[in-house]
Amino acid sequence: MKKIEACIRAEKVGPVRKALEKVNISGLTLYQVDGHGKQRGMIQKFNGEEFKVGIMPKAKIEIISRDEEVKAIIEAIIEASRTGEFGDGKIIVTPVEEVIRIRTGETGEKAL
């Protein structure tokens, strides 16, 4: 099992959720977060003045999946969230040792 964490542009949450539904992923956790990458924010203009916005609104999606689903999930997230501009985000995949469904006590992949 793997944990997939995707930090994406906040406005891409809807398209990413639809893309994940197409690959039959229904369970996810969504967080509204703020942050920046290497670019340390971005320059915006307001009333003709330029100013730097250092922390940008982002969305973080977490999914626990079976190993065989990881590639399809990653491809769906990338396809739905990529703009080609700085700030598109990152995807991190880590191993999951155990999952337990609290309601039933099921463990492992049965708990997904």
N, C-alpha and C. Protein backbone atom coordinates (compact mmCIF):
# COMPACT_ATOMS: atom_id res chain seq x y z
N MET A 1 0.84 -1.18 0.00
CA MET A 1 0.00 0.00 0.00
C MET A 1 0.88 1.24 0.00
N LYS A 2 0.35 2.31 -0.55
CA LYS A 2 1.08 3.56 -0.65
C LYS A 2 0.19 4.73 -0.21
N LYS A 3 0.86 5.78 0.28
CA LYS A 3 0.19 7.04 0.57
C LYS A 3 0.64 8.03 -0.49
N ILE A 4 -0.31 8.62 -1.18
CA ILE A 4 -0.03 9.61 -2.20
C ILE A 4 -0.48 10.96 -1.66
N GLU A 5 0.46 11.90 -1.59
CA GLU A 5 0.16 13.25 -1.15
C GLU A 5 0.42 14.18 -2.34
N ALA A 6 -0.57 14.94 -2.70
CA ALA A 6 -0.43 15.88 -3.81
C ALA A 6 -0.75 17.28 -3.31
N CYS A 7 0.20 18.19 -3.46
CA CYS A 7 -0.01 19.59 -3.13
C CYS A 7 -0.18 20.31 -4.46
N ILE A 8 -1.38 20.83 -4.71
CA ILE A 8 -1.72 21.39 -6.02
C ILE A 8 -2.31 22.79 -5.86
N ARG A 9 -2.51 23.46 -7.00
CA ARG A 9 -3.19 24.75 -6.99
C ARG A 9 -4.61 24.56 -6.46
N ALA A 10 -5.06 25.46 -5.62
CA ALA A 10 -6.39 25.34 -5.01
C ALA A 10 -7.49 25.27 -6.06
N GLU A 11 -7.34 26.00 -7.16
CA GLU A 11 -8.39 26.01 -8.18
C GLU A 11 -8.44 24.72 -9.00
N LYS A 12 -7.51 23.81 -8.79
CA LYS A 12 -7.48 22.55 -9.54
C LYS A 12 -8.11 21.39 -8.78
N VAL A 13 -8.65 21.64 -7.59
CA VAL A 13 -9.25 20.57 -6.79
C VAL A 13 -10.40 19.90 -7.54
N GLY A 14 -11.31 20.67 -8.11
CA GLY A 14 -12.46 20.10 -8.82
C GLY A 14 -12.04 19.20 -9.97
N PRO A 15 -11.19 19.69 -10.88
CA PRO A 15 -10.74 18.83 -11.98
C PRO A 15 -9.99 17.57 -11.50
N VAL A 16 -9.20 17.69 -10.44
CA VAL A 16 -8.47 16.53 -9.94
C VAL A 16 -9.44 15.52 -9.35
N ARG A 17 -10.43 15.96 -8.61
CA ARG A 17 -11.42 15.03 -8.05
C ARG A 17 -12.16 14.29 -9.15
N LYS A 18 -12.54 15.00 -10.21
CA LYS A 18 -13.21 14.34 -11.34
C LYS A 18 -12.30 13.32 -12.01
N ALA A 19 -11.02 13.66 -12.17
CA ALA A 19 -10.06 12.74 -12.77
C ALA A 19 -9.88 11.49 -11.90
N LEU A 20 -9.86 11.67 -10.58
CA LEU A 20 -9.72 10.53 -9.68
C LEU A 20 -10.96 9.65 -9.70
N GLU A 21 -12.13 10.24 -9.85
CA GLU A 21 -13.36 9.44 -9.97
C GLU A 21 -13.31 8.56 -11.20
N LYS A 22 -12.72 9.06 -12.29
CA LYS A 22 -12.62 8.28 -13.54
C LYS A 22 -11.73 7.05 -13.39
N VAL A 23 -10.78 7.10 -12.45
CA VAL A 23 -9.94 5.93 -12.20
C VAL A 23 -10.40 5.17 -10.95
N ASN A 24 -11.66 5.41 -10.57
CA ASN A 24 -12.34 4.70 -9.47
C ASN A 24 -11.70 4.90 -8.10
N ILE A 25 -11.18 6.11 -7.85
CA ILE A 25 -10.67 6.44 -6.53
C ILE A 25 -11.71 7.32 -5.85
N SER A 26 -12.30 6.82 -4.80
CA SER A 26 -13.35 7.59 -4.13
C SER A 26 -12.91 8.14 -2.78
N GLY A 27 -11.98 7.47 -2.12
CA GLY A 27 -11.56 7.91 -0.80
C GLY A 27 -10.35 8.82 -0.85
N LEU A 28 -10.50 10.00 -0.28
CA LEU A 28 -9.38 10.93 -0.20
C LEU A 28 -9.61 11.87 0.95
N THR A 29 -8.54 12.52 1.36
CA THR A 29 -8.62 13.57 2.38
C THR A 29 -8.10 14.84 1.74
N LEU A 30 -8.83 15.94 1.95
CA LEU A 30 -8.49 17.22 1.34
C LEU A 30 -8.23 18.25 2.42
N TYR A 31 -7.11 18.97 2.29
CA TYR A 31 -6.75 20.04 3.21
C TYR A 31 -6.58 21.33 2.41
N GLN A 32 -6.99 22.43 2.97
CA GLN A 32 -6.68 23.75 2.41
C GLN A 32 -5.41 24.21 3.13
N VAL A 33 -4.35 24.44 2.37
CA VAL A 33 -3.06 24.80 2.96
C VAL A 33 -2.49 26.02 2.25
N ASP A 34 -1.44 26.58 2.81
CA ASP A 34 -0.73 27.70 2.20
C ASP A 34 0.75 27.32 2.13
N GLY A 35 1.43 27.77 1.09
CA GLY A 35 2.85 27.48 0.99
C GLY A 35 3.46 28.06 -0.27
N HIS A 36 4.73 27.72 -0.48
CA HIS A 36 5.42 28.13 -1.70
C HIS A 36 6.52 27.13 -1.99
N GLY A 37 6.97 27.14 -3.23
CA GLY A 37 8.05 26.27 -3.65
C GLY A 37 9.32 27.07 -3.85
N LYS A 38 10.14 26.62 -4.80
CA LYS A 38 11.42 27.28 -5.07
C LYS A 38 11.27 28.74 -5.45
N GLN A 39 10.15 29.07 -6.10
CA GLN A 39 9.98 30.44 -6.59
C GLN A 39 9.67 31.43 -5.46
N ARG A 40 9.39 30.92 -4.27
CA ARG A 40 9.11 31.76 -3.09
C ARG A 40 7.94 32.72 -3.32
N GLY A 41 6.91 32.25 -3.97
CA GLY A 41 5.74 33.07 -4.23
C GLY A 41 5.73 33.57 -5.66
N MET A 42 4.98 34.64 -5.90
CA MET A 42 4.91 35.18 -7.25
C MET A 42 4.66 36.68 -7.21
N ILE A 43 4.97 37.32 -8.31
CA ILE A 43 4.74 38.76 -8.45
C ILE A 43 3.36 38.98 -9.03
N GLN A 44 2.56 39.83 -8.40
CA GLN A 44 1.23 40.18 -8.90
C GLN A 44 1.14 41.69 -9.05
N LYS A 45 0.23 42.11 -9.92
CA LYS A 45 0.01 43.54 -10.11
C LYS A 45 -1.37 43.91 -9.59
N PHE A 46 -1.43 45.08 -8.93
CA PHE A 46 -2.70 45.60 -8.42
C PHE A 46 -2.65 47.11 -8.56
N ASN A 47 -3.59 47.66 -9.28
CA ASN A 47 -3.64 49.10 -9.54
C ASN A 47 -2.31 49.63 -10.09
N GLY A 48 -1.71 48.86 -10.98
CA GLY A 48 -0.46 49.29 -11.60
C GLY A 48 0.78 49.09 -10.77
N GLU A 49 0.62 48.64 -9.54
CA GLU A 49 1.76 48.40 -8.65
C GLU A 49 2.08 46.90 -8.61
N GLU A 50 3.34 46.59 -8.62
CA GLU A 50 3.76 45.20 -8.47
C GLU A 50 4.07 44.91 -7.01
N PHE A 51 3.66 43.72 -6.57
CA PHE A 51 4.01 43.30 -5.22
C PHE A 51 4.18 41.79 -5.22
N LYS A 52 5.00 41.31 -4.29
CA LYS A 52 5.28 39.89 -4.20
C LYS A 52 4.35 39.23 -3.19
N VAL A 53 3.73 38.15 -3.62
CA VAL A 53 2.92 37.32 -2.74
C VAL A 53 3.76 36.10 -2.40
N GLY A 54 4.19 35.99 -1.16
CA GLY A 54 5.12 34.94 -0.77
C GLY A 54 4.47 33.60 -0.48
N ILE A 55 3.31 33.61 0.11
CA ILE A 55 2.62 32.37 0.46
C ILE A 55 1.36 32.28 -0.39
N MET A 56 1.21 31.15 -1.08
CA MET A 56 0.09 30.96 -2.00
C MET A 56 -0.90 29.95 -1.43
N PRO A 57 -2.20 30.14 -1.70
CA PRO A 57 -3.18 29.13 -1.29
C PRO A 57 -3.00 27.87 -2.12
N LYS A 58 -2.98 26.73 -1.47
CA LYS A 58 -2.82 25.43 -2.12
C LYS A 58 -3.84 24.47 -1.54
N ALA A 59 -3.95 23.32 -2.18
CA ALA A 59 -4.77 22.23 -1.66
C ALA A 59 -3.87 21.00 -1.55
N LYS A 60 -4.04 20.27 -0.47
CA LYS A 60 -3.29 19.03 -0.29
C LYS A 60 -4.28 17.87 -0.28
N ILE A 61 -4.03 16.92 -1.15
CA ILE A 61 -4.88 15.74 -1.25
C ILE A 61 -4.07 14.54 -0.79
N GLU A 62 -4.66 13.72 0.08
CA GLU A 62 -4.02 12.49 0.54
C GLU A 62 -4.89 11.31 0.15
N ILE A 63 -4.25 10.28 -0.40
CA ILE A 63 -4.95 9.07 -0.81
C ILE A 63 -4.11 7.88 -0.35
N ILE A 64 -4.73 6.89 0.26
CA ILE A 64 -4.08 5.62 0.56
C ILE A 64 -4.59 4.63 -0.47
N SER A 65 -3.66 3.98 -1.18
CA SER A 65 -4.09 3.11 -2.28
C SER A 65 -3.31 1.81 -2.30
N ARG A 66 -3.84 0.89 -3.09
CA ARG A 66 -3.12 -0.34 -3.38
C ARG A 66 -1.96 -0.01 -4.31
N ASP A 67 -0.91 -0.78 -4.24
CA ASP A 67 0.28 -0.52 -5.05
C ASP A 67 -0.05 -0.44 -6.54
N GLU A 68 -0.93 -1.31 -7.01
CA GLU A 68 -1.24 -1.35 -8.44
C GLU A 68 -2.05 -0.15 -8.93
N GLU A 69 -2.60 0.65 -8.03
CA GLU A 69 -3.38 1.83 -8.40
C GLU A 69 -2.55 3.11 -8.48
N VAL A 70 -1.33 3.09 -7.96
CA VAL A 70 -0.52 4.29 -7.81
C VAL A 70 -0.27 5.00 -9.14
N LYS A 71 0.14 4.28 -10.14
CA LYS A 71 0.47 4.91 -11.43
C LYS A 71 -0.73 5.63 -12.03
N ALA A 72 -1.90 5.01 -12.00
CA ALA A 72 -3.11 5.63 -12.55
C ALA A 72 -3.51 6.87 -11.76
N ILE A 73 -3.33 6.83 -10.45
CA ILE A 73 -3.66 7.99 -9.60
C ILE A 73 -2.73 9.15 -9.93
N ILE A 74 -1.44 8.87 -9.99
CA ILE A 74 -0.47 9.93 -10.30
C ILE A 74 -0.75 10.54 -11.66
N GLU A 75 -0.99 9.70 -12.67
CA GLU A 75 -1.28 10.21 -14.01
C GLU A 75 -2.53 11.08 -14.02
N ALA A 76 -3.57 10.67 -13.28
CA ALA A 76 -4.81 11.44 -13.22
C ALA A 76 -4.57 12.81 -12.58
N ILE A 77 -3.82 12.83 -11.48
CA ILE A 77 -3.54 14.10 -10.80
C ILE A 77 -2.75 15.04 -11.71
N ILE A 78 -1.71 14.50 -12.35
CA ILE A 78 -0.88 15.34 -13.22
C ILE A 78 -1.70 15.89 -14.38
N GLU A 79 -2.45 15.03 -15.04
CA GLU A 79 -3.23 15.46 -16.20
C GLU A 79 -4.24 16.55 -15.83
N ALA A 80 -4.85 16.43 -14.66
CA ALA A 80 -5.90 17.38 -14.27
C ALA A 80 -5.36 18.66 -13.64
N SER A 81 -4.12 18.65 -13.16
CA SER A 81 -3.63 19.82 -12.42
C SER A 81 -2.51 20.59 -13.12
N ARG A 82 -1.90 20.04 -14.15
CA ARG A 82 -0.74 20.69 -14.78
C ARG A 82 -1.17 21.90 -15.61
N THR A 83 -0.50 23.03 -15.35
CA THR A 83 -0.68 24.22 -16.18
C THR A 83 0.61 24.52 -16.96
N GLY A 84 1.72 23.96 -16.49
CA GLY A 84 3.01 24.24 -17.10
C GLY A 84 3.69 25.46 -16.51
N GLU A 85 3.08 26.07 -15.52
CA GLU A 85 3.62 27.26 -14.87
C GLU A 85 4.18 26.89 -13.49
N PHE A 86 5.04 27.78 -12.95
CA PHE A 86 5.50 27.60 -11.58
C PHE A 86 4.28 27.50 -10.66
N GLY A 87 4.38 26.66 -9.65
CA GLY A 87 3.31 26.55 -8.67
C GLY A 87 2.33 25.44 -8.93
N ASP A 88 2.59 24.58 -9.93
CA ASP A 88 1.68 23.46 -10.20
C ASP A 88 1.67 22.45 -9.06
N GLY A 89 2.74 22.36 -8.30
CA GLY A 89 2.74 21.51 -7.11
C GLY A 89 3.66 20.32 -7.19
N LYS A 90 3.46 19.41 -6.25
CA LYS A 90 4.29 18.21 -6.13
C LYS A 90 3.41 17.04 -5.72
N ILE A 91 3.89 15.84 -6.06
CA ILE A 91 3.27 14.59 -5.62
C ILE A 91 4.34 13.79 -4.89
N ILE A 92 3.99 13.30 -3.72
CA ILE A 92 4.91 12.50 -2.92
C ILE A 92 4.25 11.15 -2.66
N VAL A 93 5.00 10.07 -2.87
CA VAL A 93 4.49 8.72 -2.64
C VAL A 93 5.36 8.06 -1.58
N THR A 94 4.70 7.55 -0.53
CA THR A 94 5.43 6.87 0.56
C THR A 94 4.76 5.54 0.87
N PRO A 95 5.52 4.59 1.39
CA PRO A 95 4.93 3.30 1.77
C PRO A 95 4.03 3.44 3.00
N VAL A 96 3.01 2.61 3.04
CA VAL A 96 2.10 2.56 4.19
C VAL A 96 2.24 1.18 4.82
N GLU A 97 2.54 1.17 6.08
CA GLU A 97 2.76 -0.10 6.78
C GLU A 97 1.46 -0.80 7.12
N GLU A 98 0.45 -0.05 7.56
CA GLU A 98 -0.81 -0.67 7.98
C GLU A 98 -1.95 0.32 7.88
N VAL A 99 -3.14 -0.20 7.60
CA VAL A 99 -4.38 0.58 7.61
C VAL A 99 -5.39 -0.22 8.42
N ILE A 100 -6.12 0.47 9.28
CA ILE A 100 -7.13 -0.18 10.11
C ILE A 100 -8.42 0.61 10.00
N ARG A 101 -9.51 -0.07 9.63
CA ARG A 101 -10.82 0.59 9.61
C ARG A 101 -11.37 0.53 11.03
N ILE A 102 -11.57 1.67 11.62
CA ILE A 102 -11.99 1.74 13.02
C ILE A 102 -13.34 1.07 13.24
N ARG A 103 -14.29 1.31 12.34
CA ARG A 103 -15.65 0.79 12.51
C ARG A 103 -15.70 -0.73 12.59
N THR A 104 -14.94 -1.43 11.71
CA THR A 104 -15.05 -2.89 11.62
C THR A 104 -13.84 -3.64 12.14
N GLY A 105 -12.71 -2.93 12.30
CA GLY A 105 -11.49 -3.60 12.71
C GLY A 105 -10.73 -4.25 11.56
N GLU A 106 -11.24 -4.13 10.33
CA GLU A 106 -10.55 -4.68 9.17
C GLU A 106 -9.17 -4.04 9.05
N THR A 107 -8.21 -4.81 8.54
CA THR A 107 -6.86 -4.30 8.39
C THR A 107 -6.35 -4.51 6.97
N GLY A 108 -5.23 -3.83 6.66
CA GLY A 108 -4.61 -3.97 5.36
C GLY A 108 -5.49 -3.44 4.23
N GLU A 109 -5.37 -4.05 3.05
CA GLU A 109 -6.13 -3.59 1.89
C GLU A 109 -7.63 -3.73 2.07
N LYS A 110 -8.08 -4.65 2.92
CA LYS A 110 -9.51 -4.78 3.20
C LYS A 110 -10.08 -3.50 3.83
N ALA A 111 -9.22 -2.77 4.53
CA ALA A 111 -9.66 -1.54 5.20
C ALA A 111 -9.76 -0.35 4.25
N LEU A 112 -9.22 -0.48 3.03
CA LEU A 112 -9.30 0.62 2.08
C LEU A 112 -10.70 0.64 1.55
